[in-house]
C-alpha atoms as a PDB file:
ATOM      1  CA  MET A   1    -205.067   3.793-152.677  1.00  0.00           C
ATOM      2  CA  GLN A   2    -202.134   6.122-153.262  1.00  0.00           C
ATOM      3  CA  LYS A   3    -199.150   5.807-150.932  1.00  0.00           C
ATOM      4  CA  ARG A   4    -197.050   8.938-151.080  1.00  0.00           C
ATOM      5  CA  ASN A   5    -194.621   7.841-148.386  1.00  0.00           C
ATOM      6  CA  GLY A   6    -193.448   4.766-150.267  1.00  0.00           C
ATOM      7  CA  LEU A   7    -192.438   3.803-153.783  1.00  0.00           C
ATOM      8  CA  SER A   8    -195.548   1.676-154.214  1.00  0.00           C
ATOM      9  CA  TRP A   9    -197.334   4.845-155.325  1.00  0.00           C
ATOM     10  CA  LEU A  10    -197.941   4.200-159.016  1.00  0.00           C
ATOM     11  CA  ARG A  11    -201.137   5.230-160.726  1.00  0.00           C
ATOM     12  CA  ASN A  12    -202.567   3.959-163.969  1.00  0.00           C
ATOM     13  CA  THR A  13    -203.539   6.983-166.015  1.00  0.00           C
ATOM     14  CA  LYS A  14    -203.964   7.756-169.663  1.00  0.00           C
ATOM     15  CA  LYS A  15    -202.894  11.354-169.188  1.00  0.00           C
ATOM     16  CA  ASN A  16    -199.557  12.757-168.170  1.00  0.00           C
ATOM     17  CA  PRO A  17    -200.156  16.342-167.037  1.00  0.00           C
ATOM     18  CA  VAL A  18    -196.825  18.089-166.493  1.00  0.00           C
ATOM     19  CA  ASP A  19    -196.851  19.754-163.115  1.00  0.00           C
ATOM     20  CA  GLU A  20    -196.222  23.462-163.729  1.00  0.00           C
ATOM     21  CA  THR A  21    -194.244  23.924-160.533  1.00  0.00           C
ATOM     22  CA  ALA A  22    -191.967  21.033-161.405  1.00  0.00           C
ATOM     23  CA  GLN A  23    -191.552  22.453-164.892  1.00  0.00           C
ATOM     24  CA  THR A  24    -190.546  25.857-163.533  1.00  0.00           C
ATOM     25  CA  VAL A  25    -188.092  24.409-161.037  1.00  0.00           C
ATOM     26  CA  ALA A  26    -186.595  22.156-163.710  1.00  0.00           C
ATOM     27  CA  GLN A  27    -186.050  25.204-165.917  1.00  0.00           C
ATOM     28  CA  THR A  28    -184.265  26.917-163.037  1.00  0.00           C
ATOM     29  CA  TYR A  29    -181.928  23.957-162.568  1.00  0.00           C
ATOM     30  CA  SER A  30    -181.327  23.819-166.314  1.00  0.00           C
ATOM     31  CA  HIS A  31    -180.397  27.521-166.293  1.00  0.00           C
ATOM     32  CA  ARG A  32    -178.029  26.945-163.370  1.00  0.00           C
ATOM     33  CA  GLN A  33    -176.410  24.035-165.169  1.00  0.00           C
ATOM     34  CA  LYS A  34    -175.938  26.090-168.329  1.00  0.00           C
ATOM     35  CA  HIS A  35    -173.883  28.634-166.433  1.00  0.00           C
ATOM     36  CA  ALA A  36    -171.918  26.164-164.294  1.00  0.00           C
ATOM     37  CA  ASN A  37    -168.180  25.910-164.752  1.00  0.00           C
ATOM     38  CA  LYS A  38    -168.156  22.356-166.053  1.00  0.00           C
ATOM     39  CA  ARG A  39    -164.384  22.212-166.297  1.00  0.00           C
ATOM     40  CA  GLU A  40    -163.867  22.440-162.547  1.00  0.00           C
ATOM     41  CA  ILE A  41    -163.957  19.071-160.796  1.00  0.00           C
ATOM     42  CA  ILE A  42    -165.994  19.463-157.616  1.00  0.00           C
ATOM     43  CA  ILE A  43    -164.644  17.393-154.744  1.00  0.00           C
ATOM     44  CA  LYS A  44    -167.688  16.770-152.581  1.00  0.00           C
ATOM     45  CA  ASN A  45    -167.722  17.283-148.824  1.00  0.00           C
ATOM     46  CA  GLU A  46    -169.565  15.027-146.374  1.00  0.00           C
ATOM     47  CA  THR A  47    -172.742  17.124-146.432  1.00  0.00           C
ATOM     48  CA  GLN A  48    -172.874  17.085-150.206  1.00  0.00           C
ATOM     49  CA  ILE A  49    -172.134  13.354-150.359  1.00  0.00           C
ATOM     50  CA  ALA A  50    -174.996  12.668-147.958  1.00  0.00           C
ATOM     51  CA  GLY A  51    -177.373  14.688-150.134  1.00  0.00           C
ATOM     52  CA  ILE A  52    -176.193  13.056-153.353  1.00  0.00           C
ATOM     53  CA  ARG A  53    -176.521   9.622-151.760  1.00  0.00           C
ATOM     54  CA  LYS A  54    -180.180  10.331-150.873  1.00  0.00           C
ATOM     55  CA  SER A  55    -180.945  11.461-154.404  1.00  0.00           C
ATOM     56  CA  CYS A  56    -179.187   8.420-155.851  1.00  0.00           C
ATOM     57  CA  HIS A  57    -181.174   6.126-153.580  1.00  0.00           C
ATOM     58  CA  LEU A  58    -184.412   7.749-154.764  1.00  0.00           C
ATOM     59  CA  THR A  59    -183.400   7.220-158.396  1.00  0.00           C
ATOM     60  CA  ARG A  60    -182.587   3.586-157.647  1.00  0.00           C
ATOM     61  CA  ASP A  61    -185.905   3.092-155.859  1.00  0.00           C
ATOM     62  CA  ILE A  62    -187.859   4.580-158.754  1.00  0.00           C
ATOM     63  CA  LEU A  63    -186.173   2.173-161.166  1.00  0.00           C
ATOM     64  CA  ASP A  64    -186.903  -0.694-158.783  1.00  0.00           C
ATOM     65  CA  ALA A  65    -190.555   0.306-158.553  1.00  0.00           C
ATOM     66  CA  ILE A  66    -191.213   0.563-162.293  1.00  0.00           C
ATOM     67  CA  THR A  67    -189.396  -2.673-163.134  1.00  0.00           C
ATOM     68  CA  PRO A  68    -192.387  -5.026-162.589  1.00  0.00           C
ATOM     69  CA  ARG A  69    -194.572  -2.846-164.824  1.00  0.00           C
ATOM     70  CA  ILE A  70    -192.344  -2.815-167.874  1.00  0.00           C
ATOM     71  CA  ALA A  71    -193.758  -5.396-170.271  1.00  0.00           C
ATOM     72  CA  PRO A  72    -195.085  -5.814-173.806  1.00  0.00           C
ATOM     73  CA  GLY A  73    -198.054  -3.555-174.479  1.00  0.00           C
ATOM     74  CA  ILE A  74    -197.167  -0.537-172.360  1.00  0.00           C
ATOM     75  CA  THR A  75    -196.062   2.709-173.979  1.00  0.00           C
ATOM     76  CA  THR A  76    -192.944   4.711-173.269  1.00  0.00           C
ATOM     77  CA  GLU A  77    -195.246   7.592-172.340  1.00  0.00           C
ATOM     78  CA  GLN A  78    -196.611   5.468-169.491  1.00  0.00           C
ATOM     79  CA  ILE A  79    -193.065   4.991-168.222  1.00  0.00           C
ATOM     80  CA  ASN A  80    -192.613   8.756-168.342  1.00  0.00           C
ATOM     81  CA  THR A  81    -195.817   9.228-166.329  1.00  0.00           C
ATOM     82  CA  TRP A  82    -194.746   6.756-163.650  1.00  0.00           C
ATOM     83  CA  VAL A  83    -191.297   8.303-163.257  1.00  0.00           C
ATOM     84  CA  HIS A  84    -192.626  11.862-163.294  1.00  0.00           C
ATOM     85  CA  GLU A  85    -195.325  11.269-160.693  1.00  0.00           C
ATOM     86  CA  MET A  86    -193.152   9.180-158.389  1.00  0.00           C
ATOM     87  CA  THR A  87    -190.385  11.776-158.485  1.00  0.00           C
ATOM     88  CA  LEU A  88    -192.776  14.570-157.501  1.00  0.00           C
ATOM     89  CA  ALA A  89    -194.402  12.397-154.837  1.00  0.00           C
ATOM     90  CA  HIS A  90    -191.070  12.178-153.046  1.00  0.00           C
ATOM     91  CA  GLY A  91    -190.388  15.893-153.121  1.00  0.00           C
ATOM     92  CA  ALA A  92    -187.924  15.716-156.005  1.00  0.00           C
ATOM     93  CA  ILE A  93    -187.664  17.069-159.545  1.00  0.00           C
ATOM     94  CA  PRO A  94    -187.091  14.988-162.713  1.00  0.00           C
ATOM     95  CA  ALA A  95    -183.816  16.429-163.989  1.00  0.00           C
ATOM     96  CA  PRO A  96    -184.339  15.727-167.722  1.00  0.00           C
ATOM     97  CA  LEU A  97    -187.552  17.798-167.878  1.00  0.00           C
ATOM     98  CA  ASN A  98    -186.763  20.971-169.865  1.00  0.00           C
ATOM     99  CA  TYR A  99    -183.026  20.335-169.597  1.00  0.00           C
ATOM    100  CA  ARG A 100    -181.813  22.176-172.679  1.00  0.00           C
ATOM    101  CA  GLY A 101    -185.345  21.782-174.010  1.00  0.00           C
ATOM    102  CA  PHE A 102    -185.764  18.045-173.466  1.00  0.00           C
ATOM    103  CA  PRO A 103    -189.572  17.598-173.313  1.00  0.00           C
ATOM    104  CA  LYS A 104    -189.964  14.652-170.928  1.00  0.00           C
ATOM    105  CA  SER A 105    -189.025  13.477-167.427  1.00  0.00           C
ATOM    106  CA  VAL A 106    -187.119  10.337-168.448  1.00  0.00           C
ATOM    107  CA  CYS A 107    -185.223   8.947-171.444  1.00  0.00           C
ATOM    108  CA  THR A 108    -186.503   5.707-172.989  1.00  0.00           C
ATOM    109  CA  SER A 109    -184.185   4.221-175.622  1.00  0.00           C
ATOM    110  CA  ILE A 110    -185.254   1.138-177.569  1.00  0.00           C
ATOM    111  CA  ASN A 111    -183.249  -1.266-179.750  1.00  0.00           C
ATOM    112  CA  GLU A 112    -181.064   0.831-182.094  1.00  0.00           C
ATOM    113  CA  VAL A 113    -181.578   3.985-180.010  1.00  0.00           C
ATOM    114  CA  ILE A 114    -178.329   4.649-178.155  1.00  0.00           C
ATOM    115  CA  CYS A 115    -179.622   7.308-175.753  1.00  0.00           C
ATOM    116  CA  HIS A 116    -181.957  10.303-175.275  1.00  0.00           C
ATOM    117  CA  GLY A 117    -185.023   8.523-176.625  1.00  0.00           C
ATOM    118  CA  ILE A 118    -188.133  10.660-176.081  1.00  0.00           C
ATOM    119  CA  PRO A 119    -191.149   8.889-174.527  1.00  0.00           C
ATOM    120  CA  SER A 120    -194.207   8.773-176.768  1.00  0.00           C
ATOM    121  CA  PRO A 121    -197.795   7.528-176.465  1.00  0.00           C
ATOM    122  CA  ASP A 122    -197.322   6.068-179.952  1.00  0.00           C
ATOM    123  CA  ARG A 123    -194.424   3.771-179.067  1.00  0.00           C
ATOM    124  CA  MET A 124    -195.655   0.584-177.475  1.00  0.00           C
ATOM    125  CA  LEU A 125    -193.159  -1.944-176.163  1.00  0.00           C
ATOM    126  CA  ARG A 126    -193.149  -5.081-178.286  1.00  0.00           C
ATOM    127  CA  GLU A 127    -192.021  -8.636-177.728  1.00  0.00           C
ATOM    128  CA  GLY A 128    -188.280  -8.848-178.397  1.00  0.00           C
ATOM    129  CA  ASP A 129    -187.434  -5.191-177.718  1.00  0.00           C
ATOM    130  CA  ILE A 130    -184.558  -4.139-175.502  1.00  0.00           C
ATOM    131  CA  LEU A 131    -185.106  -0.916-173.585  1.00  0.00           C
ATOM    132  CA  ASN A 132    -182.965   1.498-171.592  1.00  0.00           C
ATOM    133  CA  VAL A 133    -184.685   3.675-168.983  1.00  0.00           C
ATOM    134  CA  ASP A 134    -182.532   6.580-167.783  1.00  0.00           C
ATOM    135  CA  VAL A 135    -183.687   8.318-164.584  1.00  0.00           C
ATOM    136  CA  THR A 136    -182.133  11.358-162.916  1.00  0.00           C
ATOM    137  CA  SER A 137    -183.662  12.876-159.780  1.00  0.00           C
ATOM    138  CA  ILE A 138    -182.965  16.237-158.163  1.00  0.00           C
ATOM    139  CA  LEU A 139    -183.649  15.909-154.428  1.00  0.00           C
ATOM    140  CA  ASP A 140    -182.923  18.878-152.165  1.00  0.00           C
ATOM    141  CA  GLY A 141    -180.723  20.285-154.927  1.00  0.00           C
ATOM    142  CA  TYR A 142    -178.627  17.130-155.408  1.00  0.00           C
ATOM    143  CA  TYR A 143    -178.564  14.858-158.460  1.00  0.00           C
ATOM    144  CA  GLY A 144    -178.775  11.074-158.683  1.00  0.00           C
ATOM    145  CA  ASP A 145    -178.340   9.488-162.138  1.00  0.00           C
ATOM    146  CA  SER A 146    -178.794   5.860-163.208  1.00  0.00           C
ATOM    147  CA  SER A 147    -180.098   3.776-166.085  1.00  0.00           C
ATOM    148  CA  ARG A 148    -180.998   0.133-166.647  1.00  0.00           C
ATOM    149  CA  MET A 149    -181.731  -2.200-169.507  1.00  0.00           C
ATOM    150  CA  PHE A 150    -184.960  -4.169-169.757  1.00  0.00           C
ATOM    151  CA  LEU A 151    -185.654  -7.261-171.858  1.00  0.00           C
ATOM    152  CA  ILE A 152    -189.187  -7.116-173.230  1.00  0.00           C
ATOM    153  CA  GLY A 153    -190.754 -10.548-173.446  1.00  0.00           C
ATOM    154  CA  ASP A 154    -188.941 -13.173-175.506  1.00  0.00           C
ATOM    155  CA  VAL A 155    -185.674 -11.513-176.569  1.00  0.00           C
ATOM    156  CA  SER A 156    -183.206 -12.965-179.062  1.00  0.00           C
ATOM    157  CA  SER A 157    -180.033 -14.565-177.747  1.00  0.00           C
ATOM    158  CA  GLU A 158    -178.002 -11.940-179.617  1.00  0.00           C
ATOM    159  CA  ALA A 159    -179.814  -9.061-177.912  1.00  0.00           C
ATOM    160  CA  ARG A 160    -179.657 -10.787-174.534  1.00  0.00           C
ATOM    161  CA  LYS A 161    -175.882 -11.207-174.880  1.00  0.00           C
ATOM    162  CA  LEU A 162    -175.388  -7.540-175.802  1.00  0.00           C
ATOM    163  CA  VAL A 163    -177.297  -6.448-172.710  1.00  0.00           C
ATOM    164  CA  ARG A 164    -175.313  -8.813-170.494  1.00  0.00           C
ATOM    165  CA  VAL A 165    -171.923  -7.816-171.870  1.00  0.00           C
ATOM    166  CA  THR A 166    -172.783  -4.125-171.555  1.00  0.00           C
ATOM    167  CA  ARG A 167    -173.583  -4.601-167.882  1.00  0.00           C
ATOM    168  CA  GLU A 168    -170.308  -6.455-167.448  1.00  0.00           C
ATOM    169  CA  CYS A 169    -168.549  -3.508-169.118  1.00  0.00           C
ATOM    170  CA  MET A 170    -170.034  -1.130-166.548  1.00  0.00           C
ATOM    171  CA  GLU A 171    -169.079  -3.423-163.673  1.00  0.00           C
ATOM    172  CA  LEU A 172    -165.505  -3.785-164.943  1.00  0.00           C
ATOM    173  CA  GLY A 173    -165.279  -0.013-165.215  1.00  0.00           C
ATOM    174  CA  ILE A 174    -166.552   0.421-161.655  1.00  0.00           C
ATOM    175  CA  ALA A 175    -163.948  -2.089-160.437  1.00  0.00           C
ATOM    176  CA  GLN A 176    -161.242   0.358-161.574  1.00  0.00           C
ATOM    177  CA  VAL A 177    -162.516   3.142-159.309  1.00  0.00           C
ATOM    178  CA  LYS A 178    -160.155   3.780-156.405  1.00  0.00           C
ATOM    179  CA  PRO A 179    -157.771   6.525-155.319  1.00  0.00           C
ATOM    180  CA  GLY A 180    -154.630   6.637-157.446  1.00  0.00           C
ATOM    181  CA  ASN A 181    -156.160   5.014-160.506  1.00  0.00           C
ATOM    182  CA  ARG A 182    -156.931   7.170-163.519  1.00  0.00           C
ATOM    183  CA  LEU A 183    -160.032   7.626-165.625  1.00  0.00           C
ATOM    184  CA  GLY A 184    -158.279   5.963-168.550  1.00  0.00           C
ATOM    185  CA  ASP A 185    -158.251   2.748-166.518  1.00  0.00           C
ATOM    186  CA  ILE A 186    -162.053   2.775-166.557  1.00  0.00           C
ATOM    187  CA  GLY A 187    -162.267   3.329-170.300  1.00  0.00           C
ATOM    188  CA  HIS A 188    -159.622   0.725-171.059  1.00  0.00           C
ATOM    189  CA  ALA A 189    -161.361  -1.984-169.036  1.00  0.00           C
ATOM    190  CA  ILE A 190    -164.675  -1.271-170.759  1.00  0.00           C
ATOM    191  CA  GLN A 191    -163.223  -1.100-174.262  1.00  0.00           C
ATOM    192  CA  GLN A 192    -161.239  -4.323-173.888  1.00  0.00           C
ATOM    193  CA  HIS A 193    -164.290  -6.269-172.740  1.00  0.00           C
ATOM    194  CA  ALA A 194    -166.673  -4.851-175.350  1.00  0.00           C
ATOM    195  CA  GLU A 195    -164.328  -5.266-178.282  1.00  0.00           C
ATOM    196  CA  GLY A 196    -163.358  -8.719-177.043  1.00  0.00           C
ATOM    197  CA  HIS A 197    -166.963  -9.725-177.734  1.00  0.00           C
ATOM    198  CA  GLY A 198    -166.997  -8.093-181.176  1.00  0.00           C
ATOM    199  CA  TYR A 199    -168.881  -4.980-180.063  1.00  0.00           C
ATOM    200  CA  SER A 200    -167.991  -1.284-180.299  1.00  0.00           C
ATOM    201  CA  VAL A 201    -167.943   1.494-177.701  1.00  0.00           C
ATOM    202  CA  VAL A 202    -169.825   4.706-178.498  1.00  0.00           C
ATOM    203  CA  ARG A 203    -167.452   7.685-178.533  1.00  0.00           C
ATOM    204  CA  ALA A 204    -169.966  10.505-178.900  1.00  0.00           C
ATOM    205  CA  PHE A 205    -171.312  10.234-175.339  1.00  0.00           C
ATOM    206  CA  VAL A 206    -169.411   9.841-172.091  1.00  0.00           C
ATOM    207  CA  GLY A 207    -169.894   9.534-168.359  1.00  0.00           C
ATOM    208  CA  HIS A 208    -169.556  12.711-166.333  1.00  0.00           C
ATOM    209  CA  GLY A 209    -169.170  14.263-162.946  1.00  0.00           C
ATOM    210  CA  THR A 210    -172.482  14.866-161.208  1.00  0.00           C
ATOM    211  CA  GLY A 211    -174.140  15.601-157.878  1.00  0.00           C
ATOM    212  CA  ILE A 212    -174.150  19.393-157.594  1.00  0.00           C
ATOM    213  CA  HIS A 213    -174.993  19.913-161.263  1.00  0.00           C
ATOM    214  CA  PHE A 214    -176.457  17.488-163.777  1.00  0.00           C
ATOM    215  CA  HIS A 215    -173.258  17.351-165.831  1.00  0.00           C
ATOM    216  CA  GLU A 216    -169.935  18.314-164.301  1.00  0.00           C
ATOM    217  CA  ALA A 217    -166.279  17.686-164.992  1.00  0.00           C
ATOM    218  CA  PRO A 218    -164.635  15.300-165.503  1.00  0.00           C
ATOM    219  CA  ASP A 219    -165.688  13.554-168.695  1.00  0.00           C
ATOM    220  CA  VAL A 220    -165.481   9.799-168.190  1.00  0.00           C
ATOM    221  CA  MET A 221    -164.755   8.117-171.512  1.00  0.00           C
ATOM    222  CA  HIS A 222    -165.634   4.469-171.954  1.00  0.00           C
ATOM    223  CA  TYR A 223    -162.594   3.750-174.106  1.00  0.00           C
ATOM    224  CA  GLY A 224    -158.928   4.666-173.895  1.00  0.00           C
ATOM    225  CA  ALA A 225    -155.515   3.753-172.583  1.00  0.00           C
ATOM    226  CA  PRO A 226    -154.684   2.627-169.043  1.00  0.00           C
ATOM    227  CA  HIS A 227    -152.787   4.923-166.673  1.00  0.00           C
ATOM    228  CA  THR A 228    -153.967   8.027-168.534  1.00  0.00           C
ATOM    229  CA  GLY A 229    -156.373  10.844-167.756  1.00  0.00           C
ATOM    230  CA  VAL A 230    -157.464  12.444-164.511  1.00  0.00           C
ATOM    231  CA  GLU A 231    -156.347  10.776-161.301  1.00  0.00           C
ATOM    232  CA  MET A 232    -159.197   9.669-159.060  1.00  0.00           C
ATOM    233  CA  ILE A 233    -159.225  11.076-155.540  1.00  0.00           C
ATOM    234  CA  PRO A 234    -161.687  10.660-152.649  1.00  0.00           C
ATOM    235  CA  GLY A 235    -164.774  12.841-152.927  1.00  0.00           C
ATOM    236  CA  MET A 236    -165.103  12.650-156.695  1.00  0.00           C
ATOM    237  CA  VAL A 237    -168.599  11.678-157.869  1.00  0.00           C
ATOM    238  CA  PHE A 238    -169.253  10.688-161.465  1.00  0.00           C
ATOM    239  CA  THR A 239    -171.255   8.361-163.683  1.00  0.00           C
ATOM    240  CA  ILE A 240    -170.047   5.302-165.533  1.00  0.00           C
ATOM    241  CA  GLU A 241    -172.506   4.635-168.362  1.00  0.00           C
ATOM    242  CA  PRO A 242    -171.057   2.680-171.290  1.00  0.00           C
ATOM    243  CA  MET A 243    -173.085   2.613-174.499  1.00  0.00           C
ATOM    244  CA  ILE A 244    -172.166  -0.501-176.447  1.00  0.00           C
ATOM    245  CA  ASN A 245    -173.218  -1.188-180.030  1.00  0.00           C
ATOM    246  CA  ALA A 246    -173.528  -4.573-181.689  1.00  0.00           C
ATOM    247  CA  GLY A 247    -172.185  -2.972-184.876  1.00  0.00           C
ATOM    248  CA  ASP A 248    -170.151   0.155-185.549  1.00  0.00           C
ATOM    249  CA  TYR A 249    -169.842   2.917-182.948  1.00  0.00           C
ATOM    250  CA  GLN A 250    -170.908   5.718-185.319  1.00  0.00           C
ATOM    251  CA  ILE A 251    -174.155   7.503-184.484  1.00  0.00           C
ATOM    252  CA  ARG A 252    -176.716   9.780-186.051  1.00  0.00           C
ATOM    253  CA  THR A 253    -179.239  12.084-184.408  1.00  0.00           C
ATOM    254  CA  LEU A 254    -182.893  12.113-185.475  1.00  0.00           C
ATOM    255  CA  SER A 255    -184.762  15.214-186.541  1.00  0.00           C
ATOM    256  CA  ASP A 256    -186.130  15.759-183.011  1.00  0.00           C
ATOM    257  CA  GLY A 257    -182.615  16.907-182.090  1.00  0.00           C
ATOM    258  CA  TRP A 258    -182.288  14.424-179.225  1.00  0.00           C
ATOM    259  CA  THR A 259    -182.702  10.787-180.205  1.00  0.00           C
ATOM    260  CA  ALA A 260    -179.291   9.253-180.989  1.00  0.00           C
ATOM    261  CA  VAL A 261    -179.345   6.003-182.968  1.00  0.00           C
ATOM    262  CA  THR A 262    -176.721   3.661-184.368  1.00  0.00           C
ATOM    263  CA  ALA A 263    -175.700   4.760-187.853  1.00  0.00           C
ATOM    264  CA  ASP A 264    -175.847   1.175-189.145  1.00  0.00           C
ATOM    265  CA  GLY A 265    -179.136   0.262-187.446  1.00  0.00           C
ATOM    266  CA  SER A 266    -177.524  -2.246-185.093  1.00  0.00           C
ATOM    267  CA  LEU A 267    -178.698  -2.789-181.525  1.00  0.00           C
ATOM    268  CA  SER A 268    -177.310  -0.688-178.687  1.00  0.00           C
ATOM    269  CA  ALA A 269    -177.349  -1.158-174.910  1.00  0.00           C
ATOM    270  CA  GLN A 270    -176.408   0.983-171.907  1.00  0.00           C
ATOM    271  CA  TRP A 271    -176.143   0.612-168.127  1.00  0.00           C
ATOM    272  CA  GLU A 272    -175.338   3.444-165.742  1.00  0.00           C
ATOM    273  CA  HIS A 273    -174.423   3.986-162.103  1.00  0.00           C
ATOM    274  CA  THR A 274    -173.322   7.039-160.137  1.00  0.00           C
ATOM    275  CA  VAL A 275    -170.197   6.269-158.117  1.00  0.00           C
ATOM    276  CA  LEU A 276    -168.233   7.930-155.314  1.00  0.00           C
ATOM    277  CA  VAL A 277    -164.470   7.580-154.952  1.00  0.00           C
ATOM    278  CA  THR A 278    -163.878   6.691-151.297  1.00  0.00           C
ATOM    279  CA  GLU A 279    -160.695   6.609-149.234  1.00  0.00           C
ATOM    280  CA  ASP A 280    -160.094   2.967-150.122  1.00  0.00           C
ATOM    281  CA  GLY A 281    -162.183   2.251-153.208  1.00  0.00           C
ATOM    282  CA  VAL A 282    -165.657   2.989-154.514  1.00  0.00           C
ATOM    283  CA  GLU A 283    -169.236   3.338-153.314  1.00  0.00           C
ATOM    284  CA  VAL A 284    -171.881   2.727-155.967  1.00  0.00           C
ATOM    285  CA  LEU A 285    -174.417   5.324-154.905  1.00  0.00           C
ATOM    286  CA  THR A 286    -177.227   4.073-157.159  1.00  0.00           C
ATOM    287  CA  ALA A 287    -176.674   0.358-156.423  1.00  0.00           C
END
């Protein structure tokens, strides 16, 4: 039985029909984003924060709901189906769908894929894989963005450590979020921890403001010097999403124009939360 009023609504299906209404609305949001002034930092008011918080909670709940189903033998296309259908069932739109031509409702990035992996019915999860699932929901016009790592079956100790350290990097970055600190404090904390374990921080992709548009100012780099960059003030909403490579930080993009992989074939991991700068610290909206 399908439950549309709760996140237990997940259907097994071999097909993934893209809802035409959702596709049209997603194109509209993509068009709006394209013409947004991304250099202007939007300080959110209480109404906007409440809307962003709801969208972030939906994104979190979707990730919670799919977690028990991610296991060896499922395909990344199945993950796309679950996320797509659950998003629509709760009156929201999957933000990645048709964003600048991206063909799916979620990003699924495996092993050496850094980000923007495209779900496929041909890619089955295998024992030992590490997987990032990146979900962004648009609910009532507001965005909520988060991603998590998943260990598929029996994972090597090396891969397990990379995933753990990457999560610690995100958490250390979040700990720097408070009024008066600067974005460079976030990047410095992440870089110090990653490089202290012999890993590298991807430079090509950064965190970003979000909430009203998918990608807003400011850029949130995951490396850098302390006490530099934009000062954080209450009402700022942005993502912290470090991408940490076991090898070098250089990347290459596959012929599909989206999938970014490590140039040296090493493993990569990523965790992401959307955070709000409060009067006295931080609220992790997707926690």
